[in-house]
Structure formats: C-alpha cells, structure tokens
Protein backbone atom coordinates (compact mmCIF):
# COMPACT_ATOMS: atom_id res chain seq x y z
CA UNK A 1 -5.48 -83.26 -96.02
CA UNK A 2 -5.82 -86.61 -94.80
CA UNK A 3 -6.16 -89.43 -97.43
CA UNK A 4 -8.04 -92.69 -97.83
CA UNK A 5 -8.05 -95.65 -100.06
CA UNK A 6 -10.83 -98.52 -100.31
CA UNK A 7 -9.71 -102.16 -100.55
CA UNK A 8 -12.67 -104.04 -102.33
CA UNK A 9 -14.88 -102.51 -105.07
CA UNK A 10 -18.04 -104.63 -105.04
CA UNK A 11 -21.58 -104.20 -103.54
CA UNK A 12 -20.48 -103.23 -99.97
CA UNK A 13 -17.94 -100.55 -101.04
CA UNK A 14 -20.79 -98.14 -102.21
CA UNK A 15 -21.14 -97.48 -98.41
CA UNK A 16 -17.49 -96.71 -97.85
CA UNK A 17 -17.28 -94.66 -101.01
CA UNK A 18 -20.53 -92.40 -99.83
CA UNK A 19 -18.89 -91.91 -96.41
CA UNK A 20 -15.62 -90.75 -98.01
CA UNK A 21 -17.43 -88.37 -100.22
CA UNK A 22 -19.62 -87.10 -97.53
CA UNK A 23 -16.47 -85.81 -95.58
CA UNK A 24 -14.79 -82.95 -97.50
CA UNK A 25 -11.90 -83.51 -95.04
CA UNK A 26 -10.84 -86.46 -96.51
CA UNK A 27 -9.19 -87.26 -100.05
CA UNK A 28 -9.86 -90.74 -101.72
CA UNK A 29 -6.59 -91.36 -103.51
CA UNK A 30 -6.93 -95.22 -104.43
CA UNK A 31 -8.89 -98.14 -104.56
CA UNK A 32 -8.10 -102.04 -104.85
CA UNK A 33 -9.84 -105.08 -106.47
CA UNK A 34 -8.66 -108.12 -107.77
CA UNK A 35 -11.67 -108.07 -110.32
CA UNK A 36 -10.48 -106.20 -113.21
CA UNK A 37 -13.86 -104.93 -114.29
CA UNK A 38 -14.62 -103.67 -110.54
CA UNK A 39 -11.39 -101.97 -110.38
CA UNK A 40 -11.54 -100.20 -113.63
CA UNK A 41 -15.22 -98.96 -112.72
CA UNK A 42 -14.06 -97.89 -109.50
CA UNK A 43 -10.96 -96.01 -111.09
CA UNK A 44 -13.02 -94.22 -113.72
CA UNK A 45 -15.99 -93.36 -111.09
CA UNK A 46 -13.64 -91.79 -108.59
CA UNK A 47 -10.68 -90.58 -110.86
CA UNK A 48 -8.18 -92.34 -108.52
CA UNK A 49 -5.21 -94.78 -108.74
CA UNK A 50 -6.41 -98.39 -109.08
CA UNK A 51 -4.57 -101.32 -107.82
CA UNK A 52 -4.84 -105.20 -107.71
CA UNK A 53 -2.65 -105.82 -104.89
CA UNK A 54 -3.35 -104.22 -101.55
CA UNK A 55 0.15 -104.24 -100.31
CA UNK A 56 1.42 -102.29 -103.38
CA UNK A 57 -1.38 -99.86 -102.71
CA UNK A 58 -0.34 -99.14 -99.33
CA UNK A 59 3.31 -99.09 -99.96
CA UNK A 60 3.05 -96.72 -103.09
CA UNK A 61 0.02 -94.63 -101.87
CA UNK A 62 0.65 -94.40 -98.06
CA UNK A 63 -3.00 -93.50 -97.40
CA UNK A 64 -4.12 -92.15 -93.86
CA UNK A 65 -7.23 -94.55 -93.58
CA UNK A 66 -7.71 -97.81 -95.36
CA UNK A 67 -11.29 -98.85 -95.80
CA UNK A 68 -11.81 -102.73 -95.96
CA UNK A 69 -14.93 -103.22 -98.00
CA UNK A 70 -13.93 -106.80 -99.13
CA UNK A 71 -16.24 -109.63 -98.28
CA UNK A 72 -16.14 -111.57 -94.84
CA UNK A 73 -15.37 -114.74 -96.72
CA UNK A 74 -11.97 -113.31 -97.94
CA UNK A 75 -9.26 -113.84 -95.54
CA UNK A 76 -6.62 -111.93 -97.15
CA UNK A 77 -4.61 -110.04 -94.69
CA UNK A 78 -5.26 -106.56 -95.84
CA UNK A 79 -6.33 -105.00 -92.72
CA UNK A 80 -2.90 -106.25 -90.76
CA UNK A 81 -0.95 -105.00 -93.70
CA UNK A 82 -2.35 -101.60 -93.34
CA UNK A 83 -1.95 -101.61 -89.66
CA UNK A 84 1.83 -102.54 -89.95
CA UNK A 85 2.37 -99.67 -92.25
CA UNK A 86 0.74 -97.25 -89.94
CA UNK A 87 -2.48 -96.76 -91.91
CA UNK A 88 -5.81 -97.22 -89.97
CA UNK A 89 -7.93 -99.99 -91.37
CA UNK A 90 -11.85 -99.82 -91.01
C-alpha cells in the first residue's frame, strides 16, 4: 500500500489528513512539525511516527507521497528534499 506523510500539523493540515483518511488505498505513516504541541497532538490523533525534522522523516520513513501543509510564509526546502528522495510532494 502506498504511504503518505504530512509536513506541518497546523490548521491547514486538517484538509490533508481528511484527504488521506478518505482514501483506503493510502496509509498515513508519519507527521512532522517543529511545534512540539502540534506534533504530539497529530501523533496521538493518528497513531503514527512523529518528527520535528522533515529530512529525518523522509530518510527514515521513505513515504511515497509527502503532503506539504506548512504555511506559505515558511520557506523551508521540504518539498525539494522530498522530490530529491523520490517522494512526491503535494
């Protein structure tokens, strides 16, 4: 089964989590956020691995799809990291 990860667990992430949950052919395996509270809440809610560093998430979990749910003002290169490792960023 294809796997997915979500980078960014703030307000926008709910749309991404809902889309993943609505597709029984995709398995959410990890989430990432630099805010410890948001990260802990997502890990508990979805029973998945949690990471504060997106590169570590991608290297360790190797998800097939990476959902970029970060704020637009955040200029971290996580989508580029995902594409270099063969994951698809959305």
